Amino acid sequence: MGRSTMVTEIQCRIYAAECERLGVARDISIQRATALMAMANSWQRLAADTGRYDAIVAEEGATG
């Protein structure tokens, strides 16, 4: 299998912000806006999870 790179917390927050920006555009349908805002929320949750994971890895690396 190939090697993969995990998305970073910062990247997730950037994607969330972009989805939010696109989701409030005036020229899109309510369905598209709703989907974009749901995606933004998912990216925000993933950013938080990634931040927690990074803290665990850092702590385990320092002690383990």
PDB file of N, CA and C in Angstrom:
ATOM      1  N   MET A   1       0.832  -1.187   0.000  1.00  0.00           N
ATOM      2  CA  MET A   1       0.000   0.000   0.000  1.00  0.00           C
ATOM      3  C   MET A   1       0.875   1.248   0.000  1.00  0.00           C
ATOM      4  N   GLY A   2       0.356   2.297  -0.580  1.00  0.00           N
ATOM      5  CA  GLY A   2       1.085   3.550  -0.610  1.00  0.00           C
ATOM      6  C   GLY A   2       1.011   4.275   0.715  1.00  0.00           C
ATOM      7  N   ARG A   3       1.900   5.185   0.879  1.00  0.00           N
ATOM      8  CA  ARG A   3       1.940   5.975   2.106  1.00  0.00           C
ATOM      9  C   ARG A   3       0.979   7.154   1.969  1.00  0.00           C
ATOM     10  N   SER A   4       0.231   7.416   3.021  1.00  0.00           N
ATOM     11  CA  SER A   4      -0.708   8.536   2.977  1.00  0.00           C
ATOM     12  C   SER A   4      -0.334   9.558   4.041  1.00  0.00           C
ATOM     13  N   THR A   5      -0.745  10.782   3.829  1.00  0.00           N
ATOM     14  CA  THR A   5      -0.484  11.858   4.760  1.00  0.00           C
ATOM     15  C   THR A   5      -1.803  12.292   5.377  1.00  0.00           C
ATOM     16  N   MET A   6      -1.816  12.387   6.694  1.00  0.00           N
ATOM     17  CA  MET A   6      -3.020  12.834   7.379  1.00  0.00           C
ATOM     18  C   MET A   6      -3.208  14.336   7.193  1.00  0.00           C
ATOM     19  N   VAL A   7      -4.440  14.734   7.086  1.00  0.00           N
ATOM     20  CA  VAL A   7      -4.751  16.156   6.994  1.00  0.00           C
ATOM     21  C   VAL A   7      -4.460  16.792   8.357  1.00  0.00           C
ATOM     22  N   THR A   8      -3.994  18.033   8.344  1.00  0.00           N
ATOM     23  CA  THR A   8      -3.652  18.707   9.595  1.00  0.00           C
ATOM     24  C   THR A   8      -4.860  19.468  10.138  1.00  0.00           C
ATOM     25  N   GLU A   9      -4.758  19.833  11.406  1.00  0.00           N
ATOM     26  CA  GLU A   9      -5.820  20.627  12.030  1.00  0.00           C
ATOM     27  C   GLU A   9      -6.004  21.948  11.289  1.00  0.00           C
ATOM     28  N   ILE A  10      -4.903  22.565  10.917  1.00  0.00           N
ATOM     29  CA  ILE A  10      -4.976  23.851  10.204  1.00  0.00           C
ATOM     30  C   ILE A  10      -5.656  23.688   8.848  1.00  0.00           C
ATOM     31  N   GLN A  11      -5.303  22.631   8.123  1.00  0.00           N
ATOM     32  CA  GLN A  11      -5.947  22.383   6.827  1.00  0.00           C
ATOM     33  C   GLN A  11      -7.453  22.203   7.001  1.00  0.00           C
ATOM     34  N   CYS A  12      -7.851  21.460   8.017  1.00  0.00           N
ATOM     35  CA  CYS A  12      -9.277  21.248   8.276  1.00  0.00           C
ATOM     36  C   CYS A  12      -9.986  22.569   8.520  1.00  0.00           C
ATOM     37  N   ARG A  13      -9.355  23.442   9.288  1.00  0.00           N
ATOM     38  CA  ARG A  13      -9.968  24.743   9.584  1.00  0.00           C
ATOM     39  C   ARG A  13     -10.051  25.615   8.328  1.00  0.00           C
ATOM     40  N   ILE A  14      -9.060  25.509   7.465  1.00  0.00           N
ATOM     41  CA  ILE A  14      -9.095  26.245   6.196  1.00  0.00           C
ATOM     42  C   ILE A  14     -10.241  25.736   5.325  1.00  0.00           C
ATOM     43  N   TYR A  15     -10.382  24.413   5.231  1.00  0.00           N
ATOM     44  CA  TYR A  15     -11.481  23.835   4.444  1.00  0.00           C
ATOM     45  C   TYR A  15     -12.838  24.233   5.027  1.00  0.00           C
ATOM     46  N   ALA A  16     -12.939  24.243   6.355  1.00  0.00           N
ATOM     47  CA  ALA A  16     -14.196  24.644   6.996  1.00  0.00           C
ATOM     48  C   ALA A  16     -14.536  26.090   6.642  1.00  0.00           C
ATOM     49  N   ALA A  17     -13.543  26.956   6.717  1.00  0.00           N
ATOM     50  CA  ALA A  17     -13.769  28.370   6.408  1.00  0.00           C
ATOM     51  C   ALA A  17     -14.180  28.555   4.950  1.00  0.00           C
ATOM     52  N   GLU A  18     -13.565  27.783   4.060  1.00  0.00           N
ATOM     53  CA  GLU A  18     -13.917  27.892   2.636  1.00  0.00           C
ATOM     54  C   GLU A  18     -15.347  27.413   2.395  1.00  0.00           C
ATOM     55  N   CYS A  19     -15.735  26.328   3.038  1.00  0.00           N
ATOM     56  CA  CYS A  19     -17.112  25.844   2.905  1.00  0.00           C
ATOM     57  C   CYS A  19     -18.100  26.871   3.437  1.00  0.00           C
ATOM     58  N   GLU A  20     -17.771  27.487   4.573  1.00  0.00           N
ATOM     59  CA  GLU A  20     -18.645  28.526   5.129  1.00  0.00           C
ATOM     60  C   GLU A  20     -18.748  29.717   4.182  1.00  0.00           C
ATOM     61  N   ARG A  21     -17.608  30.127   3.620  1.00  0.00           N
ATOM     62  CA  ARG A  21     -17.609  31.265   2.692  1.00  0.00           C
ATOM     63  C   ARG A  21     -18.497  30.973   1.486  1.00  0.00           C
ATOM     64  N   LEU A  22     -18.341  29.777   0.937  1.00  0.00           N
ATOM     65  CA  LEU A  22     -19.151  29.397  -0.221  1.00  0.00           C
ATOM     66  C   LEU A  22     -20.619  29.210   0.159  1.00  0.00           C
ATOM     67  N   GLY A  23     -20.858  28.760   1.384  1.00  0.00           N
ATOM     68  CA  GLY A  23     -22.223  28.481   1.832  1.00  0.00           C
ATOM     69  C   GLY A  23     -23.086  29.705   2.037  1.00  0.00           C
ATOM     70  N   VAL A  24     -22.462  30.860   2.157  1.00  0.00           N
ATOM     71  CA  VAL A  24     -23.248  32.086   2.357  1.00  0.00           C
ATOM     72  C   VAL A  24     -23.345  32.925   1.075  1.00  0.00           C
ATOM     73  N   ALA A  25     -22.847  32.393  -0.018  1.00  0.00           N
ATOM     74  CA  ALA A  25     -22.946  33.118  -1.301  1.00  0.00           C
ATOM     75  C   ALA A  25     -24.419  33.333  -1.640  1.00  0.00           C
ATOM     76  N   ARG A  26     -24.701  34.456  -2.217  1.00  0.00           N
ATOM     77  CA  ARG A  26     -26.099  34.806  -2.526  1.00  0.00           C
ATOM     78  C   ARG A  26     -26.655  34.080  -3.745  1.00  0.00           C
ATOM     79  N   ASP A  27     -25.775  33.591  -4.593  1.00  0.00           N
ATOM     80  CA  ASP A  27     -26.242  33.045  -5.868  1.00  0.00           C
ATOM     81  C   ASP A  27     -26.312  31.519  -5.891  1.00  0.00           C
ATOM     82  N   ILE A  28     -26.448  30.877  -4.721  1.00  0.00           N
ATOM     83  CA  ILE A  28     -26.549  29.418  -4.702  1.00  0.00           C
ATOM     84  C   ILE A  28     -27.885  28.998  -4.094  1.00  0.00           C
ATOM     85  N   SER A  29     -28.262  27.784  -4.374  1.00  0.00           N
ATOM     86  CA  SER A  29     -29.534  27.269  -3.870  1.00  0.00           C
ATOM     87  C   SER A  29     -29.434  26.972  -2.375  1.00  0.00           C
ATOM     88  N   ILE A  30     -30.567  26.887  -1.728  1.00  0.00           N
ATOM     89  CA  ILE A  30     -30.605  26.554  -0.309  1.00  0.00           C
ATOM     90  C   ILE A  30     -30.051  25.144  -0.086  1.00  0.00           C
ATOM     91  N   GLN A  31     -30.271  24.251  -1.049  1.00  0.00           N
ATOM     92  CA  GLN A  31     -29.747  22.892  -0.925  1.00  0.00           C
ATOM     93  C   GLN A  31     -28.213  22.896  -0.935  1.00  0.00           C
ATOM     94  N   ARG A  32     -27.635  23.668  -1.835  1.00  0.00           N
ATOM     95  CA  ARG A  32     -26.177  23.749  -1.906  1.00  0.00           C
ATOM     96  C   ARG A  32     -25.621  24.433  -0.656  1.00  0.00           C
ATOM     97  N   ALA A  33     -26.274  25.494  -0.208  1.00  0.00           N
ATOM     98  CA  ALA A  33     -25.828  26.187   0.998  1.00  0.00           C
ATOM     99  C   ALA A  33     -25.883  25.262   2.209  1.00  0.00           C
ATOM    100  N   THR A  34     -26.949  24.487   2.311  1.00  0.00           N
ATOM    101  CA  THR A  34     -27.095  23.549   3.424  1.00  0.00           C
ATOM    102  C   THR A  34     -25.998  22.499   3.393  1.00  0.00           C
ATOM    103  N   ALA A  35     -25.713  21.963   2.218  1.00  0.00           N
ATOM    104  CA  ALA A  35     -24.655  20.955   2.080  1.00  0.00           C
ATOM    105  C   ALA A  35     -23.300  21.545   2.449  1.00  0.00           C
ATOM    106  N   LEU A  36     -23.024  22.743   1.999  1.00  0.00           N
ATOM    107  CA  LEU A  36     -21.744  23.384   2.309  1.00  0.00           C
ATOM    108  C   LEU A  36     -21.595  23.664   3.801  1.00  0.00           C
ATOM    109  N   MET A  37     -22.668  24.085   4.450  1.00  0.00           N
ATOM    110  CA  MET A  37     -22.589  24.351   5.881  1.00  0.00           C
ATOM    111  C   MET A  37     -22.423  23.052   6.665  1.00  0.00           C
ATOM    112  N   ALA A  38     -23.039  21.982   6.204  1.00  0.00           N
ATOM    113  CA  ALA A  38     -22.841  20.675   6.842  1.00  0.00           C
ATOM    114  C   ALA A  38     -21.393  20.223   6.673  1.00  0.00           C
ATOM    115  N   MET A  39     -20.844  20.443   5.493  1.00  0.00           N
ATOM    116  CA  MET A  39     -19.435  20.102   5.264  1.00  0.00           C
ATOM    117  C   MET A  39     -18.533  20.948   6.158  1.00  0.00           C
ATOM    118  N   ALA A  40     -18.843  22.219   6.315  1.00  0.00           N
ATOM    119  CA  ALA A  40     -18.052  23.084   7.182  1.00  0.00           C
ATOM    120  C   ALA A  40     -18.055  22.546   8.615  1.00  0.00           C
ATOM    121  N   ASN A  41     -19.225  22.131   9.085  1.00  0.00           N
ATOM    122  CA  ASN A  41     -19.311  21.566  10.438  1.00  0.00           C
ATOM    123  C   ASN A  41     -18.481  20.292  10.552  1.00  0.00           C
ATOM    124  N   SER A  42     -18.509  19.458   9.522  1.00  0.00           N
ATOM    125  CA  SER A  42     -17.711  18.231   9.535  1.00  0.00           C
ATOM    126  C   SER A  42     -16.221  18.555   9.587  1.00  0.00           C
ATOM    127  N   TRP A  43     -15.790  19.516   8.799  1.00  0.00           N
ATOM    128  CA  TRP A  43     -14.375  19.915   8.814  1.00  0.00           C
ATOM    129  C   TRP A  43     -13.987  20.470  10.177  1.00  0.00           C
ATOM    130  N   GLN A  44     -14.890  21.235  10.806  1.00  0.00           N
ATOM    131  CA  GLN A  44     -14.592  21.783  12.130  1.00  0.00           C
ATOM    132  C   GLN A  44     -14.446  20.661  13.164  1.00  0.00           C
ATOM    133  N   ARG A  45     -15.324  19.670  13.105  1.00  0.00           N
ATOM    134  CA  ARG A  45     -15.223  18.529  14.027  1.00  0.00           C
ATOM    135  C   ARG A  45     -13.934  17.754  13.782  1.00  0.00           C
ATOM    136  N   LEU A  46     -13.591  17.559  12.512  1.00  0.00           N
ATOM    137  CA  LEU A  46     -12.364  16.851  12.190  1.00  0.00           C
ATOM    138  C   LEU A  46     -11.139  17.636  12.676  1.00  0.00           C
ATOM    139  N   ALA A  47     -11.182  18.956  12.571  1.00  0.00           N
ATOM    140  CA  ALA A  47     -10.084  19.783  13.076  1.00  0.00           C
ATOM    141  C   ALA A  47      -9.917  19.579  14.579  1.00  0.00           C
ATOM    142  N   ALA A  48     -11.018  19.583  15.304  1.00  0.00           N
ATOM    143  CA  ALA A  48     -10.947  19.377  16.753  1.00  0.00           C
ATOM    144  C   ALA A  48     -10.413  17.989  17.079  1.00  0.00           C
ATOM    145  N   ASP A  49     -10.904  16.975  16.372  1.00  0.00           N
ATOM    146  CA  ASP A  49     -10.421  15.603  16.596  1.00  0.00           C
ATOM    147  C   ASP A  49      -8.937  15.481  16.282  1.00  0.00           C
ATOM    148  N   THR A  50      -8.513  16.111  15.200  1.00  0.00           N
ATOM    149  CA  THR A  50      -7.107  16.062  14.804  1.00  0.00           C
ATOM    150  C   THR A  50      -6.235  16.753  15.848  1.00  0.00           C
ATOM    151  N   GLY A  51      -6.719  17.875  16.378  1.00  0.00           N
ATOM    152  CA  GLY A  51      -5.986  18.567  17.430  1.00  0.00           C
ATOM    153  C   GLY A  51      -5.835  17.699  18.670  1.00  0.00           C
ATOM    154  N   ARG A  52      -6.908  17.006  19.055  1.00  0.00           N
ATOM    155  CA  ARG A  52      -6.831  16.105  20.211  1.00  0.00           C
ATOM    156  C   ARG A  52      -5.860  14.966  19.942  1.00  0.00           C
ATOM    157  N   TYR A  53      -5.919  14.403  18.742  1.00  0.00           N
ATOM    158  CA  TYR A  53      -5.018  13.316  18.375  1.00  0.00           C
ATOM    159  C   TYR A  53      -3.556  13.789  18.432  1.00  0.00           C
ATOM    160  N   ASP A  54      -3.294  14.947  17.869  1.00  0.00           N
ATOM    161  CA  ASP A  54      -1.929  15.488  17.883  1.00  0.00           C
ATOM    162  C   ASP A  54      -1.425  15.685  19.311  1.00  0.00           C
ATOM    163  N   ALA A  55      -2.314  16.143  20.210  1.00  0.00           N
ATOM    164  CA  ALA A  55      -1.911  16.338  21.604  1.00  0.00           C
ATOM    165  C   ALA A  55      -1.582  14.994  22.263  1.00  0.00           C
ATOM    166  N   ILE A  56      -2.352  13.964  21.963  1.00  0.00           N
ATOM    167  CA  ILE A  56      -2.089  12.632  22.515  1.00  0.00           C
ATOM    168  C   ILE A  56      -0.749  12.118  22.022  1.00  0.00           C
ATOM    169  N   VAL A  57      -0.517  12.248  20.719  1.00  0.00           N
ATOM    170  CA  VAL A  57       0.756  11.776  20.150  1.00  0.00           C
ATOM    171  C   VAL A  57       1.926  12.533  20.765  1.00  0.00           C
ATOM    172  N   ALA A  58       1.786  13.836  20.930  1.00  0.00           N
ATOM    173  CA  ALA A  58       2.857  14.641  21.525  1.00  0.00           C
ATOM    174  C   ALA A  58       3.118  14.199  22.973  1.00  0.00           C
ATOM    175  N   GLU A  59       2.034  13.977  23.712  1.00  0.00           N
ATOM    176  CA  GLU A  59       2.184  13.564  25.107  1.00  0.00           C
ATOM    177  C   GLU A  59       2.825  12.183  25.195  1.00  0.00           C
ATOM    178  N   GLU A  60       2.376  11.251  24.379  1.00  0.00           N
ATOM    179  CA  GLU A  60       2.933   9.909  24.402  1.00  0.00           C
ATOM    180  C   GLU A  60       4.387   9.906  23.927  1.00  0.00           C
ATOM    181  N   GLY A  61       4.700  10.779  22.993  1.00  0.00           N
ATOM    182  CA  GLY A  61       6.073  10.877  22.517  1.00  0.00           C
ATOM    183  C   GLY A  61       7.004  11.418  23.591  1.00  0.00           C
ATOM    184  N   ALA A  62       6.477  12.341  24.385  1.00  0.00           N
ATOM    185  CA  ALA A  62       7.285  12.948  25.438  1.00  0.00           C
ATOM    186  C   ALA A  62       7.478  12.009  26.610  1.00  0.00           C
ATOM    187  N   THR A  63       6.504  11.134  26.844  1.00  0.00           N
ATOM    188  CA  THR A  63       6.575  10.240  28.012  1.00  0.00           C
ATOM    189  C   THR A  63       6.872   8.796  27.636  1.00  0.00           C
ATOM    190  N   GLY A  64       6.691   8.473  26.386  1.00  0.00           N
ATOM    191  CA  GLY A  64       6.753   7.065  26.037  1.00  0.00           C
ATOM    192  C   GLY A  64       7.896   6.658  25.235  1.00  0.00           C
TER     193      GLY A  64
END
